[in-house]
PDB file of N, CA and C in Angstrom:
ATOM      1  N   MET A   1       0.446  -0.967   0.451  1.00  0.00           N
ATOM      2  CA  MET A   1      -0.316   0.025  -0.011  1.00  0.00           C
ATOM      3  C   MET A   1       1.159   1.110  -0.093  1.00  0.00           C
ATOM      4  N   HIS A   2       0.418   2.481  -1.120  1.00  0.00           N
ATOM      5  CA  HIS A   2       1.353   3.624  -1.077  1.00  0.00           C
ATOM      6  C   HIS A   2       0.621   4.411   0.049  1.00  0.00           C
ATOM      7  N   HIS A   3       1.816   4.761   0.565  1.00  0.00           N
ATOM      8  CA  HIS A   3       1.238   6.420   1.295  1.00  0.00           C
ATOM      9  C   HIS A   3       1.962   7.456   1.429  1.00  0.00           C
ATOM     10  N   ALA A   4       1.452   8.482   1.233  1.00  0.00           N
ATOM     11  CA  ALA A   4       1.899   9.705   0.529  1.00  0.00           C
ATOM     12  C   ALA A   4       3.032  10.407   1.588  1.00  0.00           C
ATOM     13  N   PRO A   5       4.061  10.984   1.601  1.00  0.00           N
ATOM     14  CA  PRO A   5       5.272  11.419   2.747  1.00  0.00           C
ATOM     15  C   PRO A   5       4.591  12.579   3.054  1.00  0.00           C
ATOM     16  N   ILE A   6       3.698  13.415   2.680  1.00  0.00           N
ATOM     17  CA  ILE A   6       2.965  14.315   3.110  1.00  0.00           C
ATOM     18  C   ILE A   6       1.551  14.405   3.757  1.00  0.00           C
ATOM     19  N   LEU A   7       1.112  14.743   4.936  1.00  0.00           N
ATOM     20  CA  LEU A   7       0.139  14.186   5.111  1.00  0.00           C
ATOM     21  C   LEU A   7      -0.253  15.769   5.693  1.00  0.00           C
ATOM     22  N   VAL A   8      -2.024  16.175   5.266  1.00  0.00           N
ATOM     23  CA  VAL A   8      -2.737  17.200   5.401  1.00  0.00           C
ATOM     24  C   VAL A   8      -4.081  16.573   6.281  1.00  0.00           C
ATOM     25  N   HIS A   9      -3.925  16.666   7.848  1.00  0.00           N
ATOM     26  CA  HIS A   9      -4.991  15.912   8.545  1.00  0.00           C
ATOM     27  C   HIS A   9      -6.028  16.452   8.639  1.00  0.00           C
ATOM     28  N   PRO A  10      -6.879  15.728   9.024  1.00  0.00           N
ATOM     29  CA  PRO A  10      -8.831  16.685   8.962  1.00  0.00           C
ATOM     30  C   PRO A  10      -8.278  17.766   9.863  1.00  0.00           C
ATOM     31  N   LEU A  11      -9.427  18.598   9.459  1.00  0.00           N
ATOM     32  CA  LEU A  11      -9.627  20.068  10.297  1.00  0.00           C
ATOM     33  C   LEU A  11      -9.589  19.597  11.945  1.00  0.00           C
ATOM     34  N   ALA A  12      -9.000  20.446  12.480  1.00  0.00           N
ATOM     35  CA  ALA A  12      -9.074  20.747  13.907  1.00  0.00           C
ATOM     36  C   ALA A  12     -10.423  21.197  14.134  1.00  0.00           C
ATOM     37  N   PRO A  13     -11.014  20.618  15.762  1.00  0.00           N
ATOM     38  CA  PRO A  13     -12.002  21.889  15.905  1.00  0.00           C
ATOM     39  C   PRO A  13     -11.941  23.279  15.834  1.00  0.00           C
ATOM     40  N   ALA A  14     -11.442  23.680  16.182  1.00  0.00           N
ATOM     41  CA  ALA A  14     -11.099  25.321  15.825  1.00  0.00           C
ATOM     42  C   ALA A  14     -10.294  25.940  14.660  1.00  0.00           C
ATOM     43  N   GLY A  15     -10.532  25.058  13.823  1.00  0.00           N
ATOM     44  CA  GLY A  15     -10.287  25.529  12.156  1.00  0.00           C
ATOM     45  C   GLY A  15      -8.418  24.864  12.367  1.00  0.00           C
ATOM     46  N   GLY A  16      -8.447  25.084  11.054  1.00  0.00           N
ATOM     47  CA  GLY A  16      -6.659  24.681  10.269  1.00  0.00           C
ATOM     48  C   GLY A  16      -6.555  23.153  10.262  1.00  0.00           C
ATOM     49  N   ARG A  17      -5.526  22.909   9.914  1.00  0.00           N
ATOM     50  CA  ARG A  17      -5.060  21.203   9.663  1.00  0.00           C
ATOM     51  C   ARG A  17      -3.664  21.239   9.562  1.00  0.00           C
ATOM     52  N   ARG A  18      -3.436  20.417  10.247  1.00  0.00           N
ATOM     53  CA  ARG A  18      -2.040  20.106  10.723  1.00  0.00           C
ATOM     54  C   ARG A  18      -1.792  19.329   9.615  1.00  0.00           C
ATOM     55  N   VAL A  19       0.016  19.892   9.470  1.00  0.00           N
ATOM     56  CA  VAL A  19       0.631  19.153   8.708  1.00  0.00           C
ATOM     57  C   VAL A  19       1.973  18.275   8.486  1.00  0.00           C
ATOM     58  N   SER A  20       1.719  17.075   8.245  1.00  0.00           N
ATOM     59  CA  SER A  20       2.933  16.505   8.783  1.00  0.00           C
ATOM     60  C   SER A  20       3.810  15.482   7.565  1.00  0.00           C
ATOM     61  N   LEU A  21       5.184  15.273   7.731  1.00  0.00           N
ATOM     62  CA  LEU A  21       5.784  14.660   6.857  1.00  0.00           C
ATOM     63  C   LEU A  21       6.553  13.169   7.679  1.00  0.00           C
ATOM     64  N   ARG A  22       5.983  12.371   6.589  1.00  0.00           N
ATOM     65  CA  ARG A  22       6.177  10.869   6.700  1.00  0.00           C
ATOM     66  C   ARG A  22       7.959  10.847   6.045  1.00  0.00           C
ATOM     67  N   ALA A  23       8.621  10.093   7.217  1.00  0.00           N
ATOM     68  CA  ALA A  23       9.878   9.817   6.449  1.00  0.00           C
ATOM     69  C   ALA A  23      10.716   8.829   7.493  1.00  0.00           C
ATOM     70  N   GLU A  24      11.336   7.382   7.178  1.00  0.00           N
ATOM     71  CA  GLU A  24      11.705   6.779   7.856  1.00  0.00           C
ATOM     72  C   GLU A  24      11.001   5.637   9.179  1.00  0.00           C
ATOM     73  N   GLY A  25       9.528   5.790   8.960  1.00  0.00           N
ATOM     74  CA  GLY A  25       8.572   5.248   9.611  1.00  0.00           C
ATOM     75  C   GLY A  25       8.069   6.204  10.448  1.00  0.00           C
ATOM     76  N   GLN A  26       8.570   7.269  10.789  1.00  0.00           N
ATOM     77  CA  GLN A  26       8.229   8.572  11.476  1.00  0.00           C
ATOM     78  C   GLN A  26       7.113   9.538  10.986  1.00  0.00           C
ATOM     79  N   ASP A  27       6.352  10.220  12.131  1.00  0.00           N
ATOM     80  CA  ASP A  27       6.071  11.494  10.851  1.00  0.00           C
ATOM     81  C   ASP A  27       6.060  12.571  12.060  1.00  0.00           C
ATOM     82  N   THR A  28       6.493  13.398  11.303  1.00  0.00           N
ATOM     83  CA  THR A  28       7.373  14.878  12.030  1.00  0.00           C
ATOM     84  C   THR A  28       5.932  15.930  11.664  1.00  0.00           C
ATOM     85  N   VAL A  29       5.682  16.877  12.736  1.00  0.00           N
ATOM     86  CA  VAL A  29       4.763  17.800  12.317  1.00  0.00           C
ATOM     87  C   VAL A  29       5.465  19.279  11.835  1.00  0.00           C
ATOM     88  N   LEU A  30       4.882  19.378  11.087  1.00  0.00           N
ATOM     89  CA  LEU A  30       5.357  20.973  10.285  1.00  0.00           C
ATOM     90  C   LEU A  30       4.832  22.177  10.635  1.00  0.00           C
ATOM     91  N   GLY A  31       3.537  21.496  10.731  1.00  0.00           N
ATOM     92  CA  GLY A  31       2.930  22.710  11.756  1.00  0.00           C
ATOM     93  C   GLY A  31       1.512  22.713  11.494  1.00  0.00           C
ATOM     94  N   LEU A  32       0.255  24.153  11.797  1.00  0.00           N
ATOM     95  CA  LEU A  32      -0.700  23.851  11.726  1.00  0.00           C
ATOM     96  C   LEU A  32      -0.833  25.005  10.694  1.00  0.00           C
ATOM     97  N   ALA A  33      -2.092  24.193   9.592  1.00  0.00           N
ATOM     98  CA  ALA A  33      -2.048  25.291   8.178  1.00  0.00           C
ATOM     99  C   ALA A  33      -3.402  26.267   8.150  1.00  0.00           C
ATOM    100  N   PHE A  34      -3.656  27.093   7.946  1.00  0.00           N
ATOM    101  CA  PHE A  34      -4.730  28.002   8.042  1.00  0.00           C
ATOM    102  C   PHE A  34      -5.093  28.512   6.336  1.00  0.00           C
ATOM    103  N   ASP A  35      -4.715  27.609   5.292  1.00  0.00           N
ATOM    104  CA  ASP A  35      -4.452  27.842   3.799  1.00  0.00           C
ATOM    105  C   ASP A  35      -3.199  27.232   3.287  1.00  0.00           C
ATOM    106  N   ASP A  36      -3.395  26.946   1.671  1.00  0.00           N
ATOM    107  CA  ASP A  36      -3.090  26.921   1.104  1.00  0.00           C
ATOM    108  C   ASP A  36      -1.134  27.223   1.100  1.00  0.00           C
ATOM    109  N   ALA A  37      -1.436  28.625   1.165  1.00  0.00           N
ATOM    110  CA  ALA A  37       0.257  29.071   1.939  1.00  0.00           C
ATOM    111  C   ALA A  37       0.680  28.702   2.675  1.00  0.00           C
ATOM    112  N   ASP A  38       0.097  28.610   3.782  1.00  0.00           N
ATOM    113  CA  ASP A  38       0.978  27.965   5.218  1.00  0.00           C
ATOM    114  C   ASP A  38       1.295  26.535   4.204  1.00  0.00           C
ATOM    115  N   VAL A  39       0.407  25.643   4.149  1.00  0.00           N
ATOM    116  CA  VAL A  39       0.928  24.493   3.815  1.00  0.00           C
ATOM    117  C   VAL A  39       2.773  24.349   2.703  1.00  0.00           C
ATOM    118  N   ILE A  40       2.618  25.188   1.797  1.00  0.00           N
ATOM    119  CA  ILE A  40       3.474  25.431   0.873  1.00  0.00           C
ATOM    120  C   ILE A  40       4.671  25.999   1.520  1.00  0.00           C
ATOM    121  N   GLU A  41       4.337  27.108   2.195  1.00  0.00           N
ATOM    122  CA  GLU A  41       5.817  27.219   3.235  1.00  0.00           C
ATOM    123  C   GLU A  41       6.272  26.177   4.285  1.00  0.00           C
ATOM    124  N   PHE A  42       5.592  25.040   4.638  1.00  0.00           N
ATOM    125  CA  PHE A  42       5.943  24.012   5.523  1.00  0.00           C
ATOM    126  C   PHE A  42       6.922  23.214   4.590  1.00  0.00           C
ATOM    127  N   LEU A  43       6.309  22.951   3.548  1.00  0.00           N
ATOM    128  CA  LEU A  43       7.231  22.013   2.648  1.00  0.00           C
ATOM    129  C   LEU A  43       8.381  23.197   2.502  1.00  0.00           C
ATOM    130  N   ARG A  44       8.551  24.281   1.777  1.00  0.00           N
ATOM    131  CA  ARG A  44       9.480  24.905   1.623  1.00  0.00           C
ATOM    132  C   ARG A  44      10.492  24.632   2.572  1.00  0.00           C
ATOM    133  N   ARG A  45      10.357  24.761   3.679  1.00  0.00           N
ATOM    134  CA  ARG A  45      11.057  24.911   5.031  1.00  0.00           C
ATOM    135  C   ARG A  45      11.482  23.314   5.102  1.00  0.00           C
ATOM    136  N   ALA A  46      10.955  22.317   4.884  1.00  0.00           N
ATOM    137  CA  ALA A  46      10.811  20.928   4.828  1.00  0.00           C
ATOM    138  C   ALA A  46      11.894  20.631   3.923  1.00  0.00           C
ATOM    139  N   GLY A  47      11.947  21.103   2.827  1.00  0.00           N
ATOM    140  CA  GLY A  47      13.217  21.358   1.536  1.00  0.00           C
ATOM    141  C   GLY A  47      12.337  20.588   0.418  1.00  0.00           C
ATOM    142  N   VAL A  48      11.171  20.090   0.503  1.00  0.00           N
ATOM    143  CA  VAL A  48      10.284  19.414  -0.359  1.00  0.00           C
ATOM    144  C   VAL A  48      10.430  20.310  -2.109  1.00  0.00           C
ATOM    145  N   PRO A  49      11.270  19.960  -3.318  1.00  0.00           N
ATOM    146  CA  PRO A  49      11.254  20.292  -4.323  1.00  0.00           C
ATOM    147  C   PRO A  49       9.368  20.672  -5.039  1.00  0.00           C
ATOM    148  N   ASP A  50       9.787  22.052  -5.696  1.00  0.00           N
ATOM    149  CA  ASP A  50       8.532  22.644  -5.513  1.00  0.00           C
ATOM    150  C   ASP A  50       7.159  22.247  -5.033  1.00  0.00           C
ATOM    151  N   PRO A  51       6.983  23.100  -4.299  1.00  0.00           N
ATOM    152  CA  PRO A  51       6.402  22.915  -2.868  1.00  0.00           C
ATOM    153  C   PRO A  51       4.516  24.028  -3.525  1.00  0.00           C
ATOM    154  N   ASP A  52       4.559  24.468  -4.629  1.00  0.00           N
ATOM    155  CA  ASP A  52       3.966  24.652  -5.382  1.00  0.00           C
ATOM    156  C   ASP A  52       3.048  23.933  -5.913  1.00  0.00           C
ATOM    157  N   ASP A  53       4.124  22.841  -6.679  1.00  0.00           N
ATOM    158  CA  ASP A  53       3.183  21.900  -7.197  1.00  0.00           C
ATOM    159  C   ASP A  53       2.250  20.913  -6.659  1.00  0.00           C
ATOM    160  N   ALA A  54       3.274  20.619  -5.337  1.00  0.00           N
ATOM    161  CA  ALA A  54       2.769  19.646  -4.747  1.00  0.00           C
ATOM    162  C   ALA A  54       1.623  19.778  -4.082  1.00  0.00           C
ATOM    163  N   VAL A  55       1.107  21.049  -4.059  1.00  0.00           N
ATOM    164  CA  VAL A  55       0.180  21.288  -3.050  1.00  0.00           C
ATOM    165  C   VAL A  55      -0.927  21.591  -3.965  1.00  0.00           C
ATOM    166  N   LEU A  56      -0.866  22.446  -4.899  1.00  0.00           N
ATOM    167  CA  LEU A  56      -1.894  23.209  -5.944  1.00  0.00           C
ATOM    168  C   LEU A  56      -2.373  22.203  -7.333  1.00  0.00           C
ATOM    169  N   GLY A  57      -1.161  21.450  -7.358  1.00  0.00           N
ATOM    170  CA  GLY A  57      -0.872  20.264  -8.700  1.00  0.00           C
ATOM    171  C   GLY A  57      -1.788  18.607  -8.012  1.00  0.00           C
ATOM    172  N   ASP A  58      -1.345  18.140  -9.375  1.00  0.00           N
ATOM    173  CA  ASP A  58      -1.995  16.725  -8.769  1.00  0.00           C
ATOM    174  C   ASP A  58      -0.899  16.118  -8.436  1.00  0.00           C
ATOM    175  N   SER A  59      -0.430  15.757  -7.114  1.00  0.00           N
ATOM    176  CA  SER A  59       0.723  15.209  -6.957  1.00  0.00           C
ATOM    177  C   SER A  59       0.457  13.928  -5.727  1.00  0.00           C
ATOM    178  N   GLU A  60       1.344  13.017  -5.882  1.00  0.00           N
ATOM    179  CA  GLU A  60       1.151  12.069  -5.285  1.00  0.00           C
ATOM    180  C   GLU A  60       1.641  12.080  -3.821  1.00  0.00           C
ATOM    181  N   LEU A  61       2.317  13.239  -3.926  1.00  0.00           N
ATOM    182  CA  LEU A  61       3.025  13.639  -2.625  1.00  0.00           C
ATOM    183  C   LEU A  61       2.389  13.905  -1.483  1.00  0.00           C
ATOM    184  N   VAL A  62       1.266  14.684  -1.238  1.00  0.00           N
ATOM    185  CA  VAL A  62       0.268  14.767  -0.412  1.00  0.00           C
ATOM    186  C   VAL A  62      -0.973  13.841  -0.403  1.00  0.00           C
ATOM    187  N   GLU A  63      -1.197  13.452   0.808  1.00  0.00           N
ATOM    188  CA  GLU A  63      -2.800  12.983   1.094  1.00  0.00           C
ATOM    189  C   GLU A  63      -2.897  14.180   2.049  1.00  0.00           C
ATOM    190  N   TRP A  64      -3.928  14.175   1.431  1.00  0.00           N
ATOM    191  CA  TRP A  64      -5.321  15.258   2.097  1.00  0.00           C
ATOM    192  C   TRP A  64      -6.546  14.006   2.793  1.00  0.00           C
ATOM    193  N   GLN A  65      -6.198  14.276   4.155  1.00  0.00           N
ATOM    194  CA  GLN A  65      -7.063  13.330   4.928  1.00  0.00           C
ATOM    195  C   GLN A  65      -8.647  14.241   5.731  1.00  0.00           C
ATOM    196  N   GLY A  66      -9.689  13.617   5.630  1.00  0.00           N
ATOM    197  CA  GLY A  66     -10.785  13.959   6.098  1.00  0.00           C
ATOM    198  C   GLY A  66     -11.209  14.477   4.787  1.00  0.00           C
ATOM    199  N   GLU A  67     -11.981  16.217   5.572  1.00  0.00           N
ATOM    200  CA  GLU A  67     -12.463  17.017   4.193  1.00  0.00           C
ATOM    201  C   GLU A  67     -11.298  16.904   2.963  1.00  0.00           C
ATOM    202  N   GLY A  68     -11.419  17.394   2.127  1.00  0.00           N
ATOM    203  CA  GLY A  68     -11.257  17.439   1.246  1.00  0.00           C
ATOM    204  C   GLY A  68     -10.252  18.371   0.810  1.00  0.00           C
ATOM    205  N   PRO A  69      -9.665  18.230  -0.177  1.00  0.00           N
ATOM    206  CA  PRO A  69      -8.659  19.291  -0.512  1.00  0.00           C
ATOM    207  C   PRO A  69      -8.556  20.872  -0.344  1.00  0.00           C
ATOM    208  N   HIS A  70      -7.982  21.736   0.511  1.00  0.00           N
ATOM    209  CA  HIS A  70      -7.795  23.375   0.337  1.00  0.00           C
ATOM    210  C   HIS A  70      -8.774  23.403   1.213  1.00  0.00           C
ATOM    211  N   LEU A  71      -9.150  22.892   2.252  1.00  0.00           N
ATOM    212  CA  LEU A  71     -10.193  23.139   2.997  1.00  0.00           C
ATOM    213  C   LEU A  71      -9.728  23.254   4.766  1.00  0.00           C
ATOM    214  N   TYR A  72     -10.375  24.184   4.919  1.00  0.00           N
ATOM    215  CA  TYR A  72      -9.182  24.800   6.197  1.00  0.00           C
ATOM    216  C   TYR A  72     -10.464  25.403   7.859  1.00  0.00           C
ATOM    217  N   ALA A  73     -11.241  25.714   7.105  1.00  0.00           N
ATOM    218  CA  ALA A  73     -12.447  26.145   8.353  1.00  0.00           C
ATOM    219  C   ALA A  73     -13.413  25.597   8.473  1.00  0.00           C
ATOM    220  N   ALA A  74     -13.977  24.773   9.738  1.00  0.00           N
ATOM    221  CA  ALA A  74     -15.423  24.247   9.137  1.00  0.00           C
ATOM    222  C   ALA A  74     -16.269  25.490   9.011  1.00  0.00           C
ATOM    223  N   GLU A  75     -17.329  24.637   8.397  1.00  0.00           N
ATOM    224  CA  GLU A  75     -18.455  25.016   7.740  1.00  0.00           C
ATOM    225  C   GLU A  75     -19.403  25.235   9.046  1.00  0.00           C
ATOM    226  N   PRO A  76     -19.857  26.433   9.648  1.00  0.00           N
ATOM    227  CA  PRO A  76     -21.025  26.975  10.403  1.00  0.00           C
ATOM    228  C   PRO A  76     -22.088  26.111  10.585  1.00  0.00           C
ATOM    229  N   PRO A  77     -22.186  25.892  11.795  1.00  0.00           N
ATOM    230  CA  PRO A  77     -23.568  25.187  11.722  1.00  0.00           C
ATOM    231  C   PRO A  77     -24.955  25.868  10.772  1.00  0.00           C
ATOM    232  N   ASP A  78     -25.861  25.009  10.067  1.00  0.00           N
ATOM    233  CA  ASP A  78     -26.707  25.196   9.274  1.00  0.00           C
ATOM    234  C   ASP A  78     -27.900  25.524  10.831  1.00  0.00           C
ATOM    235  N   THR A  79     -28.023  26.461  11.260  1.00  0.00           N
ATOM    236  CA  THR A  79     -29.255  26.227  12.368  1.00  0.00           C
ATOM    237  C   THR A  79     -30.177  27.791  11.566  1.00  0.00           C
ATOM    238  N   ASP A  80     -31.496  27.425  11.982  1.00  0.00           N
ATOM    239  CA  ASP A  80     -32.098  28.598  11.683  1.00  0.00           C
ATOM    240  C   ASP A  80     -32.378  29.133  13.297  1.00  0.00           C
ATOM    241  N   ILE A  81     -32.166  30.690  12.981  1.00  0.00           N
ATOM    242  CA  ILE A  81     -32.217  31.492  14.472  1.00  0.00           C
ATOM    243  C   ILE A  81     -33.483  32.320  14.407  1.00  0.00           C
ATOM    244  N   PRO A  82     -34.422  32.531  15.378  1.00  0.00           N
ATOM    245  CA  PRO A  82     -35.639  32.891  14.809  1.00  0.00           C
ATOM    246  C   PRO A  82     -35.614  34.401  15.496  1.00  0.00           C
TER     247      PRO A  82
END
């Protein structure tokens, strides 16, 4: 089974997504991202070549867990307030 080396975890309750790097059987947390620019910066600092393409393109380097790709904030509850 193939696992992408970069994980973008499900949304945190307060918003944002943890980003981690899998290497040699260990996950290293790179940071908490609130948008694609954050993820790109974390990957740039980690030495990932072409981090823009890895995040914004169709890359097998990034695994988006939980919600779909590029979502960083929980949807507000759909409630009717009289």
